[in-house]
């Protein structure tokens, strides 16, 4: 519950310092790849996926 209330919301502007602090906190957790609800906190995106998203077909 505490995690949800203090979560960063969509479109919330963060300073570079705040972003770095969040990444540091994430790296210190035991399960950094998911939130408390099991949702992913990061995604792996391949170069092919990026190229398709930007309309580049190489």
PDB file of N, CA and C in Angstrom:
ATOM      1  N   UNK A   1       0.840  -1.200   0.000  1.00  0.00           N
ATOM      2  CA  UNK A   1       0.000   0.000   0.000  1.00  0.00           C
ATOM      3  C   UNK A   1       0.882   1.260   0.000  1.00  0.00           C
ATOM      4  N   UNK A   2       1.902   1.254   0.841  1.00  0.00           N
ATOM      5  CA  UNK A   2       2.810   2.400   0.892  1.00  0.00           C
ATOM      6  C   UNK A   2       3.495   2.598  -0.446  1.00  0.00           C
ATOM      7  N   UNK A   3       3.897   1.491  -1.075  1.00  0.00           N
ATOM      8  CA  UNK A   3       4.565   1.586  -2.374  1.00  0.00           C
ATOM      9  C   UNK A   3       3.660   2.224  -3.410  1.00  0.00           C
ATOM     10  N   UNK A   4       2.393   1.888  -3.404  1.00  0.00           N
ATOM     11  CA  UNK A   4       1.460   2.445  -4.380  1.00  0.00           C
ATOM     12  C   UNK A   4       1.259   3.942  -4.170  1.00  0.00           C
ATOM     13  N   UNK A   5       1.135   4.366  -2.932  1.00  0.00           N
ATOM     14  CA  UNK A   5       0.876   5.774  -2.651  1.00  0.00           C
ATOM     15  C   UNK A   5       2.079   6.665  -2.947  1.00  0.00           C
ATOM     16  N   UNK A   6       3.279   6.101  -2.829  1.00  0.00           N
ATOM     17  CA  UNK A   6       4.460   6.908  -3.075  1.00  0.00           C
ATOM     18  C   UNK A   6       5.026   6.694  -4.480  1.00  0.00           C
ATOM     19  N   UNK A   7       4.298   5.978  -5.317  1.00  0.00           N
ATOM     20  CA  UNK A   7       4.777   5.663  -6.667  1.00  0.00           C
ATOM     21  C   UNK A   7       4.849   6.906  -7.552  1.00  0.00           C
ATOM     22  N   UNK A   8       5.763   6.847  -8.504  1.00  0.00           N
ATOM     23  CA  UNK A   8       5.870   7.904  -9.508  1.00  0.00           C
ATOM     24  C   UNK A   8       4.722   7.711 -10.485  1.00  0.00           C
ATOM     25  N   UNK A   9       4.012   8.752 -10.772  1.00  0.00           N
ATOM     26  CA  UNK A   9       2.849   8.682 -11.661  1.00  0.00           C
ATOM     27  C   UNK A   9       3.231   9.011 -13.101  1.00  0.00           C
ATOM     28  N   UNK A  10       2.408   8.571 -14.033  1.00  0.00           N
ATOM     29  CA  UNK A  10       2.619   8.881 -15.449  1.00  0.00           C
ATOM     30  C   UNK A  10       2.668  10.390 -15.634  1.00  0.00           C
ATOM     31  N   UNK A  11       3.558  10.834 -16.494  1.00  0.00           N
ATOM     32  CA  UNK A  11       3.740  12.254 -16.825  1.00  0.00           C
ATOM     33  C   UNK A  11       4.309  13.092 -15.684  1.00  0.00           C
ATOM     34  N   UNK A  12       4.709  12.458 -14.597  1.00  0.00           N
ATOM     35  CA  UNK A  12       5.324  13.198 -13.499  1.00  0.00           C
ATOM     36  C   UNK A  12       6.747  13.563 -13.900  1.00  0.00           C
ATOM     37  N   UNK A  13       7.114  14.802 -13.766  1.00  0.00           N
ATOM     38  CA  UNK A  13       8.446  15.278 -14.144  1.00  0.00           C
ATOM     39  C   UNK A  13       9.403  15.050 -12.981  1.00  0.00           C
ATOM     40  N   UNK A  14      10.559  14.446 -13.301  1.00  0.00           N
ATOM     41  CA  UNK A  14      11.591  14.205 -12.301  1.00  0.00           C
ATOM     42  C   UNK A  14      12.879  14.881 -12.724  1.00  0.00           C
ATOM     43  N   UNK A  15      13.664  15.289 -11.746  1.00  0.00           N
ATOM     44  CA  UNK A  15      14.983  15.828 -12.050  1.00  0.00           C
ATOM     45  C   UNK A  15      15.924  14.654 -12.316  1.00  0.00           C
ATOM     46  N   UNK A  16      17.062  14.932 -12.925  1.00  0.00           N
ATOM     47  CA  UNK A  16      18.056  13.896 -13.169  1.00  0.00           C
ATOM     48  C   UNK A  16      18.501  13.262 -11.854  1.00  0.00           C
ATOM     49  N   UNK A  17      18.648  14.083 -10.834  1.00  0.00           N
ATOM     50  CA  UNK A  17      19.039  13.581  -9.509  1.00  0.00           C
ATOM     51  C   UNK A  17      17.988  12.615  -8.955  1.00  0.00           C
ATOM     52  N   UNK A  18      16.711  12.951  -9.103  1.00  0.00           N
ATOM     53  CA  UNK A  18      15.639  12.067  -8.637  1.00  0.00           C
ATOM     54  C   UNK A  18      15.635  10.751  -9.412  1.00  0.00           C
ATOM     55  N   UNK A  19      15.864  10.832 -10.732  1.00  0.00           N
ATOM     56  CA  UNK A  19      15.910   9.616 -11.551  1.00  0.00           C
ATOM     57  C   UNK A  19      17.053   8.712 -11.114  1.00  0.00           C
ATOM     58  N   UNK A  20      18.213   9.303 -10.884  1.00  0.00           N
ATOM     59  CA  UNK A  20      19.368   8.510 -10.444  1.00  0.00           C
ATOM     60  C   UNK A  20      19.118   7.869  -9.092  1.00  0.00           C
ATOM     61  N   UNK A  21      18.492   8.599  -8.197  1.00  0.00           N
ATOM     62  CA  UNK A  21      18.187   8.059  -6.876  1.00  0.00           C
ATOM     63  C   UNK A  21      17.221   6.876  -6.985  1.00  0.00           C
ATOM     64  N   UNK A  22      16.232   6.991  -7.856  1.00  0.00           N
ATOM     65  CA  UNK A  22      15.283   5.892  -8.037  1.00  0.00           C
ATOM     66  C   UNK A  22      15.953   4.642  -8.590  1.00  0.00           C
ATOM     67  N   UNK A  23      16.845   4.826  -9.569  1.00  0.00           N
ATOM     68  CA  UNK A  23      17.570   3.687 -10.131  1.00  0.00           C
ATOM     69  C   UNK A  23      18.450   3.053  -9.053  1.00  0.00           C
ATOM     70  N   UNK A  24      19.089   3.870  -8.251  1.00  0.00           N
ATOM     71  CA  UNK A  24      19.906   3.355  -7.154  1.00  0.00           C
ATOM     72  C   UNK A  24      19.083   2.537  -6.174  1.00  0.00           C
ATOM     73  N   UNK A  25      17.901   3.030  -5.826  1.00  0.00           N
ATOM     74  CA  UNK A  25      17.013   2.297  -4.924  1.00  0.00           C
ATOM     75  C   UNK A  25      16.561   0.993  -5.563  1.00  0.00           C
ATOM     76  N   UNK A  26      16.237   1.033  -6.839  1.00  0.00           N
ATOM     77  CA  UNK A  26      15.795  -0.160  -7.551  1.00  0.00           C
ATOM     78  C   UNK A  26      16.892  -1.221  -7.552  1.00  0.00           C
ATOM     79  N   UNK A  27      18.126  -0.806  -7.787  1.00  0.00           N
ATOM     80  CA  UNK A  27      19.244  -1.738  -7.823  1.00  0.00           C
ATOM     81  C   UNK A  27      19.512  -2.406  -6.479  1.00  0.00           C
ATOM     82  N   UNK A  28      19.090  -1.775  -5.402  1.00  0.00           N
ATOM     83  CA  UNK A  28      19.313  -2.336  -4.058  1.00  0.00           C
ATOM     84  C   UNK A  28      18.191  -3.269  -3.602  1.00  0.00           C
ATOM     85  N   UNK A  29      17.137  -3.412  -4.384  1.00  0.00           N
ATOM     86  CA  UNK A  29      16.041  -4.299  -3.985  1.00  0.00           C
ATOM     87  C   UNK A  29      16.386  -5.751  -4.300  1.00  0.00           C
ATOM     88  N   UNK A  30      15.671  -6.673  -3.675  1.00  0.00           N
ATOM     89  CA  UNK A  30      15.919  -8.095  -3.925  1.00  0.00           C
ATOM     90  C   UNK A  30      15.302  -8.560  -5.240  1.00  0.00           C
ATOM     91  N   UNK A  31      14.240  -7.919  -5.687  1.00  0.00           N
ATOM     92  CA  UNK A  31      13.577  -8.284  -6.949  1.00  0.00           C
ATOM     93  C   UNK A  31      13.387  -7.027  -7.797  1.00  0.00           C
ATOM     94  N   UNK A  32      14.456  -6.516  -8.411  1.00  0.00           N
ATOM     95  CA  UNK A  32      14.373  -5.243  -9.122  1.00  0.00           C
ATOM     96  C   UNK A  32      13.565  -5.268 -10.418  1.00  0.00           C
ATOM     97  N   UNK A  33      13.250  -6.434 -10.942  1.00  0.00           N
ATOM     98  CA  UNK A  33      12.574  -6.490 -12.244  1.00  0.00           C
ATOM     99  C   UNK A  33      11.057  -6.444 -12.173  1.00  0.00           C
ATOM    100  N   UNK A  34      10.500  -6.506 -10.970  1.00  0.00           N
ATOM    101  CA  UNK A  34       9.044  -6.416 -10.831  1.00  0.00           C
ATOM    102  C   UNK A  34       8.678  -5.557  -9.628  1.00  0.00           C
ATOM    103  N   UNK A  35       7.480  -4.973  -9.693  1.00  0.00           N
ATOM    104  CA  UNK A  35       6.972  -4.213  -8.545  1.00  0.00           C
ATOM    105  C   UNK A  35       6.357  -5.191  -7.544  1.00  0.00           C
ATOM    106  N   UNK A  36       5.833  -4.666  -6.466  1.00  0.00           N
ATOM    107  CA  UNK A  36       5.228  -5.503  -5.430  1.00  0.00           C
ATOM    108  C   UNK A  36       4.024  -6.296  -5.949  1.00  0.00           C
ATOM    109  N   UNK A  37       3.411  -5.833  -7.034  1.00  0.00           N
ATOM    110  CA  UNK A  37       2.258  -6.518  -7.614  1.00  0.00           C
ATOM    111  C   UNK A  37       2.654  -7.485  -8.717  1.00  0.00           C
ATOM    112  N   UNK A  38       3.959  -7.593  -9.001  1.00  0.00           N
ATOM    113  CA  UNK A  38       4.432  -8.495 -10.033  1.00  0.00           C
ATOM    114  C   UNK A  38       4.520  -7.882 -11.419  1.00  0.00           C
ATOM    115  N   UNK A  39       4.236  -6.593 -11.522  1.00  0.00           N
ATOM    116  CA  UNK A  39       4.330  -5.921 -12.823  1.00  0.00           C
ATOM    117  C   UNK A  39       5.786  -5.584 -13.113  1.00  0.00           C
ATOM    118  N   UNK A  40       6.181  -5.615 -14.394  1.00  0.00           N
ATOM    119  CA  UNK A  40       7.583  -5.330 -14.727  1.00  0.00           C
ATOM    120  C   UNK A  40       7.969  -3.884 -14.440  1.00  0.00           C
ATOM    121  N   UNK A  41       9.207  -3.705 -13.999  1.00  0.00           N
ATOM    122  CA  UNK A  41       9.747  -2.363 -13.777  1.00  0.00           C
ATOM    123  C   UNK A  41      10.677  -1.972 -14.910  1.00  0.00           C
ATOM    124  N   UNK A  42      11.042  -2.947 -15.747  1.00  0.00           N
ATOM    125  CA  UNK A  42      11.899  -2.680 -16.904  1.00  0.00           C
ATOM    126  C   UNK A  42      11.577  -3.691 -17.992  1.00  0.00           C
ATOM    127  N   UNK A  43      11.865  -3.315 -19.214  1.00  0.00           N
ATOM    128  CA  UNK A  43      11.615  -4.174 -20.365  1.00  0.00           C
ATOM    129  C   UNK A  43      12.866  -4.261 -21.211  1.00  0.00           C
ATOM    130  N   UNK A  44      13.053  -5.399 -21.841  1.00  0.00           N
ATOM    131  CA  UNK A  44      14.162  -5.551 -22.785  1.00  0.00           C
ATOM    132  C   UNK A  44      13.588  -5.358 -24.182  1.00  0.00           C
ATOM    133  N   UNK A  45      14.157  -4.425 -24.923  1.00  0.00           N
ATOM    134  CA  UNK A  45      13.696  -4.108 -26.269  1.00  0.00           C
ATOM    135  C   UNK A  45      14.859  -4.305 -27.229  1.00  0.00           C
ATOM    136  N   UNK A  46      14.651  -5.139 -28.228  1.00  0.00           N
ATOM    137  CA  UNK A  46      15.703  -5.406 -29.200  1.00  0.00           C
ATOM    138  C   UNK A  46      15.775  -4.319 -30.256  1.00  0.00           C
ATOM    139  N   UNK A  47      16.907  -4.299 -30.979  1.00  0.00           N
ATOM    140  CA  UNK A  47      17.103  -3.296 -32.023  1.00  0.00           C
ATOM    141  C   UNK A  47      16.035  -3.427 -33.107  1.00  0.00           C
ATOM    142  N   UNK A  48      15.646  -4.644 -33.434  1.00  0.00           N
ATOM    143  CA  UNK A  48      14.596  -4.854 -34.435  1.00  0.00           C
ATOM    144  C   UNK A  48      13.271  -4.237 -34.007  1.00  0.00           C
ATOM    145  N   UNK A  49      12.937  -4.366 -32.738  1.00  0.00           N
ATOM    146  CA  UNK A  49      11.712  -3.762 -32.211  1.00  0.00           C
ATOM    147  C   UNK A  49      11.761  -2.242 -32.334  1.00  0.00           C
ATOM    148  N   UNK A  50      12.897  -1.664 -31.994  1.00  0.00           N
ATOM    149  CA  UNK A  50      13.050  -0.210 -32.099  1.00  0.00           C
ATOM    150  C   UNK A  50      12.944   0.248 -33.551  1.00  0.00           C
ATOM    151  N   UNK A  51      13.592  -0.475 -34.439  1.00  0.00           N
ATOM    152  CA  UNK A  51      13.528  -0.111 -35.853  1.00  0.00           C
ATOM    153  C   UNK A  51      12.099  -0.149 -36.377  1.00  0.00           C
ATOM    154  N   UNK A  52      11.342  -1.158 -35.994  1.00  0.00           N
ATOM    155  CA  UNK A  52       9.927  -1.245 -36.416  1.00  0.00           C
ATOM    156  C   UNK A  52       9.097  -0.086 -35.848  1.00  0.00           C
ATOM    157  N   UNK A  53       9.344   0.238 -34.595  1.00  0.00           N
ATOM    158  CA  UNK A  53       8.592   1.319 -33.958  1.00  0.00           C
ATOM    159  C   UNK A  53       8.845   2.666 -34.639  1.00  0.00           C
ATOM    160  N   UNK A  54      10.037   2.846 -35.184  1.00  0.00           N
ATOM    161  CA  UNK A  54      10.383   4.099 -35.835  1.00  0.00           C
ATOM    162  C   UNK A  54      10.287   4.009 -37.345  1.00  0.00           C
ATOM    163  N   UNK A  55       9.668   2.931 -37.848  1.00  0.00           N
ATOM    164  CA  UNK A  55       9.430   2.806 -39.273  1.00  0.00           C
ATOM    165  C   UNK A  55      10.672   2.564 -40.092  1.00  0.00           C
ATOM    166  N   UNK A  56      11.673   1.984 -39.487  1.00  0.00           N
ATOM    167  CA  UNK A  56      12.918   1.687 -40.209  1.00  0.00           C
ATOM    168  C   UNK A  56      13.007   0.169 -40.340  1.00  0.00           C
ATOM    169  N   UNK A  57      13.021  -0.278 -41.549  1.00  0.00           N
ATOM    170  CA  UNK A  57      13.080  -1.721 -41.789  1.00  0.00           C
ATOM    171  C   UNK A  57      14.391  -2.046 -42.469  1.00  0.00           C
ATOM    172  N   UNK A  58      15.347  -2.545 -41.695  1.00  0.00           N
ATOM    173  CA  UNK A  58      16.679  -2.788 -42.217  1.00  0.00           C
ATOM    174  C   UNK A  58      16.890  -4.201 -42.435  1.00  0.00           C
TER     175      UNK A  58
END
